[in-house]
Amino acid sequence: MPDTTVVNVTICMGSSCFSRGNSRNIEVLRRCVEEAGGSAVIETRGHLCENMCKSGPNLIIDGTVYQNVQPTAVAGLLRHHIAANNTGG
């Protein structure tokens, strides 16, 4: 039985990122966690500020910083990281 894929997501909760779209990105993340079911574990955590306010909303997924992340991009970014983790890359 293969190991479960773990994807770590840090979402900036600073006021600038939150008002620019991370409030909506949180909802998308919640749906993605539910949809992933047993195929992946998506560990999420909030961070008060990532000090990149001008380029927000910001997400960090498995150490990769994504800036100006719109809700329509969140699921695709997660799928990319799940696939990369499954192939070891």
Protein backbone atom coordinates (compact mmCIF):
# COMPACT_ATOMS: atom_id res chain seq x y z
CA MET A 1 0.00 0.00 0.00
CA PRO A 2 1.55 3.35 -1.02
CA ASP A 3 2.28 6.05 1.53
CA THR A 4 -0.26 8.83 1.80
CA THR A 5 0.81 12.02 0.06
CA VAL A 6 1.12 14.98 2.43
CA VAL A 7 0.92 18.54 1.09
CA ASN A 8 1.70 21.41 3.46
CA VAL A 9 -0.13 24.68 2.83
CA THR A 10 0.46 27.94 4.67
CA ILE A 11 -2.05 30.66 3.95
CA CYS A 12 -1.29 34.27 4.81
CA MET A 13 -3.96 35.67 7.12
CA GLY A 14 -2.59 39.22 7.18
CA SER A 15 -5.22 41.87 6.52
CA SER A 16 -3.93 42.71 3.05
CA CYS A 17 -3.82 39.12 1.79
CA PHE A 18 -7.08 38.26 3.50
CA SER A 19 -8.95 41.16 1.90
CA ARG A 20 -7.33 40.57 -1.51
CA GLY A 21 -8.61 37.02 -1.76
CA ASN A 22 -7.29 34.62 0.85
CA SER A 23 -10.69 34.77 2.55
CA ARG A 24 -12.07 33.05 -0.59
CA ASN A 25 -8.99 30.85 -0.99
CA ILE A 26 -9.67 29.36 2.45
CA GLU A 27 -13.06 28.14 1.26
CA VAL A 28 -11.49 26.57 -1.84
CA LEU A 29 -8.86 24.89 0.35
CA ARG A 30 -11.58 23.43 2.56
CA ARG A 31 -13.33 21.91 -0.46
CA CYS A 32 -10.02 20.52 -1.75
CA VAL A 33 -9.30 18.87 1.59
CA GLU A 34 -12.73 17.22 1.52
CA GLU A 35 -12.32 16.10 -2.10
CA ALA A 36 -8.83 14.69 -1.51
CA GLY A 37 -10.30 12.13 0.86
CA GLY A 38 -7.78 9.36 1.42
CA SER A 39 -5.66 10.13 -1.65
CA ALA A 40 -3.77 12.95 0.08
CA VAL A 41 -3.47 14.73 3.37
CA ILE A 42 -3.51 18.49 2.98
CA GLU A 43 -2.12 20.08 6.12
CA THR A 44 -3.13 23.71 6.34
CA ARG A 45 -2.04 26.44 8.69
CA GLY A 46 -2.51 30.16 8.81
CA HIS A 47 0.24 32.65 9.30
CA LEU A 48 -0.34 36.21 10.43
CA CYS A 49 1.81 37.83 7.77
CA GLU A 50 4.39 36.62 5.26
CA ASN A 51 5.72 40.20 4.68
CA MET A 52 4.85 40.09 0.98
CA CYS A 53 1.72 42.22 1.26
CA LYS A 54 2.01 44.02 -2.09
CA SER A 55 1.98 40.73 -4.00
CA GLY A 56 -0.84 39.03 -2.11
CA PRO A 57 -2.85 36.99 -1.66
CA ASN A 58 0.01 34.64 -0.84
CA LEU A 59 0.09 30.88 -0.32
CA ILE A 60 3.06 28.68 0.43
CA ILE A 61 2.66 25.09 -0.71
CA ASP A 62 5.41 22.63 0.21
CA GLY A 63 7.85 25.52 0.55
CA THR A 64 7.01 27.13 -2.80
CA VAL A 65 5.67 30.68 -2.53
CA TYR A 66 2.74 31.57 -4.77
CA GLN A 67 1.75 35.21 -5.07
CA ASN A 68 -1.42 36.88 -6.30
CA VAL A 69 -3.23 33.54 -5.93
CA GLN A 70 -6.79 33.70 -7.15
CA PRO A 71 -9.40 31.18 -5.96
CA THR A 72 -9.60 29.66 -9.45
CA ALA A 73 -5.93 28.62 -9.20
CA VAL A 74 -5.92 26.96 -5.77
CA ALA A 75 -7.22 23.51 -6.77
CA GLY A 76 -4.78 23.29 -9.70
CA LEU A 77 -1.83 24.22 -7.50
CA LEU A 78 -2.80 21.55 -4.99
CA ARG A 79 -3.22 18.92 -7.73
CA HIS A 80 0.23 19.84 -9.05
CA HIS A 81 1.85 19.35 -5.64
CA ILE A 82 -0.04 16.10 -4.97
CA ALA A 83 1.12 14.72 -8.32
CA ALA A 84 4.70 15.89 -7.74
CA ASN A 85 4.76 14.28 -4.31
CA ASN A 86 3.39 11.02 -5.75
CA THR A 87 6.21 10.87 -8.31
CA GLY A 88 8.88 11.94 -5.86
CA GLY A 89 9.49 15.22 -7.66
